[in-house]
Amino acid sequence: MKVSLFAGALFVAGLAGSAWAQEQSRTIERTVKSVPNRDTQIGVYLNVQPDCTSGPLPTIRLVSPPASGKVVVKNAKVKATNYKACLALEVPAYVAFYKSPADFLGNDVLTIEVKYAGGRTEIQKITVNVMSAGAGQKI
């Protein structure tokens, strides 16, 4: 699986050199839109070093699973161009996906813990807003 770093509403964690990279713990809350019974990307987890190489990938743990759907994490390669000092890079990553049952509509909440080799931890509380395919379209 290949993932573009700049595709749509992509949430990327673990970029070295960012302002919060030196913090030991951080809690993030966010919302993702989804439709029933379809894989929806909820996060990309990688580690880009200042020299544009990959650092060790984080450990990802599902702290609290969603009440209705399921979460899976897959291996991927992320390609990016013109990212900070990196003119072009391709690094390994983990990509997390959420999938609800076919008959589910509403909000589903999950919490993921992401631990990096340097000791930094992120707690991500993700609310997935599952709505019918035509619900967000204007008429």
C-alpha atoms as a PDB file:
ATOM      1  CA  MET A   1       0.000   0.000   0.000  1.00  0.00           C
ATOM      2  CA  LYS A   2       1.293   3.448  -0.923  1.00  0.00           C
ATOM      3  CA  VAL A   3      -0.012   6.614   0.690  1.00  0.00           C
ATOM      4  CA  SER A   4       0.564  10.194  -0.394  1.00  0.00           C
ATOM      5  CA  LEU A   5       1.521  12.452   2.499  1.00  0.00           C
ATOM      6  CA  PHE A   6      -0.543  15.296   1.095  1.00  0.00           C
ATOM      7  CA  ALA A   7      -3.743  13.428   0.194  1.00  0.00           C
ATOM      8  CA  GLY A   8      -6.974  15.030   1.385  1.00  0.00           C
ATOM      9  CA  ALA A   9      -7.663  15.311   5.111  1.00  0.00           C
ATOM     10  CA  LEU A  10      -4.792  13.120   6.187  1.00  0.00           C
ATOM     11  CA  PHE A  11      -3.703  13.043   9.808  1.00  0.00           C
ATOM     12  CA  VAL A  12       0.001  12.324  10.152  1.00  0.00           C
ATOM     13  CA  ALA A  13       1.720  11.675  13.451  1.00  0.00           C
ATOM     14  CA  GLY A  14       5.386  11.323  14.193  1.00  0.00           C
ATOM     15  CA  LEU A  15       7.094  13.899  12.051  1.00  0.00           C
ATOM     16  CA  ALA A  16      10.490  14.735  13.546  1.00  0.00           C
ATOM     17  CA  GLY A  17      11.320  18.416  13.830  1.00  0.00           C
ATOM     18  CA  SER A  18       7.792  19.568  14.570  1.00  0.00           C
ATOM     19  CA  ALA A  19       7.220  21.899  17.500  1.00  0.00           C
ATOM     20  CA  TRP A  20       5.711  19.182  19.692  1.00  0.00           C
ATOM     21  CA  ALA A  21       8.267  16.473  18.796  1.00  0.00           C
ATOM     22  CA  GLN A  22      10.169  17.151  22.017  1.00  0.00           C
ATOM     23  CA  GLU A  23       7.132  16.819  24.320  1.00  0.00           C
ATOM     24  CA  GLN A  24       6.819  13.576  26.270  1.00  0.00           C
ATOM     25  CA  SER A  25       3.026  13.257  26.158  1.00  0.00           C
ATOM     26  CA  ARG A  26       0.270  14.850  24.121  1.00  0.00           C
ATOM     27  CA  THR A  27      -3.484  14.282  23.830  1.00  0.00           C
ATOM     28  CA  ILE A  28      -5.201  14.922  20.511  1.00  0.00           C
ATOM     29  CA  GLU A  29      -8.953  14.971  19.854  1.00  0.00           C
ATOM     30  CA  ARG A  30     -10.348  14.998  16.341  1.00  0.00           C
ATOM     31  CA  THR A  31     -13.313  13.997  14.187  1.00  0.00           C
ATOM     32  CA  VAL A  32     -13.315  11.981  10.964  1.00  0.00           C
ATOM     33  CA  LYS A  33     -16.273  11.584   8.568  1.00  0.00           C
ATOM     34  CA  SER A  34     -17.169   8.138   7.236  1.00  0.00           C
ATOM     35  CA  VAL A  35     -19.909   6.189   5.500  1.00  0.00           C
ATOM     36  CA  PRO A  36     -21.226   2.799   6.635  1.00  0.00           C
ATOM     37  CA  ASN A  37     -19.336  -0.398   5.772  1.00  0.00           C
ATOM     38  CA  ARG A  38     -16.376   1.361   4.102  1.00  0.00           C
ATOM     39  CA  ASP A  39     -12.740   1.547   5.208  1.00  0.00           C
ATOM     40  CA  THR A  40     -11.957   5.115   6.280  1.00  0.00           C
ATOM     41  CA  GLN A  41      -8.396   6.234   6.929  1.00  0.00           C
ATOM     42  CA  ILE A  42      -8.144   7.669  10.441  1.00  0.00           C
ATOM     43  CA  GLY A  43      -4.380   8.067  10.812  1.00  0.00           C
ATOM     44  CA  VAL A  44      -0.918   7.692   9.297  1.00  0.00           C
ATOM     45  CA  TYR A  45       1.952   7.012  11.682  1.00  0.00           C
ATOM     46  CA  LEU A  46       5.549   7.466  10.589  1.00  0.00           C
ATOM     47  CA  ASN A  47       8.852   8.891  11.737  1.00  0.00           C
ATOM     48  CA  VAL A  48      10.717  11.250   9.373  1.00  0.00           C
ATOM     49  CA  GLN A  49      14.158  12.270  10.605  1.00  0.00           C
ATOM     50  CA  PRO A  50      15.766  15.665   9.838  1.00  0.00           C
ATOM     51  CA  ASP A  51      17.963  13.949   7.195  1.00  0.00           C
ATOM     52  CA  CYS A  52      14.769  12.743   5.399  1.00  0.00           C
ATOM     53  CA  THR A  53      15.229   9.093   6.372  1.00  0.00           C
ATOM     54  CA  SER A  54      12.835   6.980   8.388  1.00  0.00           C
ATOM     55  CA  GLY A  55      13.294   6.519  12.107  1.00  0.00           C
ATOM     56  CA  PRO A  56      11.842   3.592  14.063  1.00  0.00           C
ATOM     57  CA  LEU A  57       8.080   3.256  13.639  1.00  0.00           C
ATOM     58  CA  PRO A  58       5.915   3.818  16.709  1.00  0.00           C
ATOM     59  CA  THR A  59       4.022   1.224  18.714  1.00  0.00           C
ATOM     60  CA  ILE A  60       0.256   1.600  18.300  1.00  0.00           C
ATOM     61  CA  ARG A  61      -2.270   0.322  20.846  1.00  0.00           C
ATOM     62  CA  LEU A  62      -6.063   0.504  20.791  1.00  0.00           C
ATOM     63  CA  VAL A  63      -6.801   1.826  24.298  1.00  0.00           C
ATOM     64  CA  SER A  64     -10.578   1.911  23.897  1.00  0.00           C
ATOM     65  CA  PRO A  65     -12.169   0.294  20.840  1.00  0.00           C
ATOM     66  CA  PRO A  66     -15.123   1.822  19.015  1.00  0.00           C
ATOM     67  CA  ALA A  67     -18.524   0.616  20.245  1.00  0.00           C
ATOM     68  CA  SER A  68     -19.793  -0.319  16.785  1.00  0.00           C
ATOM     69  CA  GLY A  69     -17.007  -0.476  14.218  1.00  0.00           C
ATOM     70  CA  LYS A  70     -13.573  -2.040  13.904  1.00  0.00           C
ATOM     71  CA  VAL A  71     -10.066  -0.585  13.619  1.00  0.00           C
ATOM     72  CA  VAL A  72      -7.229  -2.179  11.655  1.00  0.00           C
ATOM     73  CA  VAL A  73      -3.651  -1.018  11.068  1.00  0.00           C
ATOM     74  CA  LYS A  74      -1.801  -1.817   7.830  1.00  0.00           C
ATOM     75  CA  ASN A  75       1.799  -1.400   6.670  1.00  0.00           C
ATOM     76  CA  ALA A  76       2.357   1.205   3.955  1.00  0.00           C
ATOM     77  CA  LYS A  77       4.959   3.313   2.166  1.00  0.00           C
ATOM     78  CA  VAL A  78       4.454   7.074   2.269  1.00  0.00           C
ATOM     79  CA  LYS A  79       5.759   9.206  -0.593  1.00  0.00           C
ATOM     80  CA  ALA A  80       6.091  12.961  -0.287  1.00  0.00           C
ATOM     81  CA  THR A  81       7.721  15.797  -2.193  1.00  0.00           C
ATOM     82  CA  ASN A  82       8.733  19.228  -0.953  1.00  0.00           C
ATOM     83  CA  TYR A  83       8.123  18.383   2.691  1.00  0.00           C
ATOM     84  CA  LYS A  84      10.180  20.762   4.854  1.00  0.00           C
ATOM     85  CA  ALA A  85      13.832  20.229   3.807  1.00  0.00           C
ATOM     86  CA  CYS A  86      13.008  16.934   2.064  1.00  0.00           C
ATOM     87  CA  LEU A  87      12.590  17.416  -1.672  1.00  0.00           C
ATOM     88  CA  ALA A  88      11.446  13.817  -2.103  1.00  0.00           C
ATOM     89  CA  LEU A  89      11.086  10.936   0.327  1.00  0.00           C
ATOM     90  CA  GLU A  90       9.580   7.491   0.643  1.00  0.00           C
ATOM     91  CA  VAL A  91       9.338   6.025   4.142  1.00  0.00           C
ATOM     92  CA  PRO A  92       7.532   3.122   5.817  1.00  0.00           C
ATOM     93  CA  ALA A  93       4.434   3.896   7.853  1.00  0.00           C
ATOM     94  CA  TYR A  94       1.437   2.430   9.594  1.00  0.00           C
ATOM     95  CA  VAL A  95      -2.016   3.453   8.357  1.00  0.00           C
ATOM     96  CA  ALA A  96      -5.065   3.038  10.607  1.00  0.00           C
ATOM     97  CA  PHE A  97      -8.536   2.420   9.162  1.00  0.00           C
ATOM     98  CA  TYR A  98     -12.014   2.404  10.716  1.00  0.00           C
ATOM     99  CA  LYS A  99     -14.972   0.428   9.309  1.00  0.00           C
ATOM    100  CA  SER A 100     -18.520   0.504  10.673  1.00  0.00           C
ATOM    101  CA  PRO A 101     -21.240  -2.113  10.206  1.00  0.00           C
ATOM    102  CA  ALA A 102     -23.471  -1.605   7.137  1.00  0.00           C
ATOM    103  CA  ASP A 103     -26.462  -0.563   9.264  1.00  0.00           C
ATOM    104  CA  PHE A 104     -24.656   1.869  11.611  1.00  0.00           C
ATOM    105  CA  LEU A 105     -25.184   5.647  11.514  1.00  0.00           C
ATOM    106  CA  GLY A 106     -23.966   8.053  14.194  1.00  0.00           C
ATOM    107  CA  ASN A 107     -20.793   8.768  16.138  1.00  0.00           C
ATOM    108  CA  ASP A 108     -18.337   6.067  17.168  1.00  0.00           C
ATOM    109  CA  VAL A 109     -15.452   6.986  19.487  1.00  0.00           C
ATOM    110  CA  LEU A 110     -12.108   5.236  19.876  1.00  0.00           C
ATOM    111  CA  THR A 111      -8.793   5.985  21.570  1.00  0.00           C
ATOM    112  CA  ILE A 112      -5.363   5.075  20.196  1.00  0.00           C
ATOM    113  CA  GLU A 113      -2.047   5.301  22.063  1.00  0.00           C
ATOM    114  CA  VAL A 114       1.026   5.949  19.892  1.00  0.00           C
ATOM    115  CA  LYS A 115       4.452   5.440  21.531  1.00  0.00           C
ATOM    116  CA  TYR A 116       7.649   6.578  19.832  1.00  0.00           C
ATOM    117  CA  ALA A 117      11.177   5.253  20.428  1.00  0.00           C
ATOM    118  CA  GLY A 118      12.304   8.482  22.130  1.00  0.00           C
ATOM    119  CA  GLY A 119       9.721   8.088  24.891  1.00  0.00           C
ATOM    120  CA  ARG A 120       7.093  10.459  23.501  1.00  0.00           C
ATOM    121  CA  THR A 121       3.468   9.259  23.696  1.00  0.00           C
ATOM    122  CA  GLU A 122       0.359  10.518  21.913  1.00  0.00           C
ATOM    123  CA  ILE A 123      -3.156   9.694  23.048  1.00  0.00           C
ATOM    124  CA  GLN A 124      -5.570  10.161  20.151  1.00  0.00           C
ATOM    125  CA  LYS A 125      -9.291  10.334  20.860  1.00  0.00           C
ATOM    126  CA  ILE A 126     -10.982   9.954  17.484  1.00  0.00           C
ATOM    127  CA  THR A 127     -14.693  10.483  16.895  1.00  0.00           C
ATOM    128  CA  VAL A 128     -15.869   8.894  13.649  1.00  0.00           C
ATOM    129  CA  ASN A 129     -19.046  10.513  12.310  1.00  0.00           C
ATOM    130  CA  VAL A 130     -20.733   7.788  10.225  1.00  0.00           C
ATOM    131  CA  MET A 131     -23.459   9.148   7.940  1.00  0.00           C
ATOM    132  CA  SER A 132     -25.254   7.919   4.830  1.00  0.00           C
ATOM    133  CA  ALA A 133     -23.433   8.514   1.551  1.00  0.00           C
ATOM    134  CA  GLY A 134     -25.738  11.363   0.442  1.00  0.00           C
ATOM    135  CA  ALA A 135     -26.134  13.043   3.834  1.00  0.00           C
ATOM    136  CA  GLY A 136     -23.454  15.689   3.331  1.00  0.00           C
ATOM    137  CA  GLN A 137     -24.318  16.612  -0.269  1.00  0.00           C
ATOM    138  CA  LYS A 138     -26.138  19.806  -1.267  1.00  0.00           C
ATOM    139  CA  ILE A 139     -29.215  19.501  -3.437  1.00  0.00           C
END
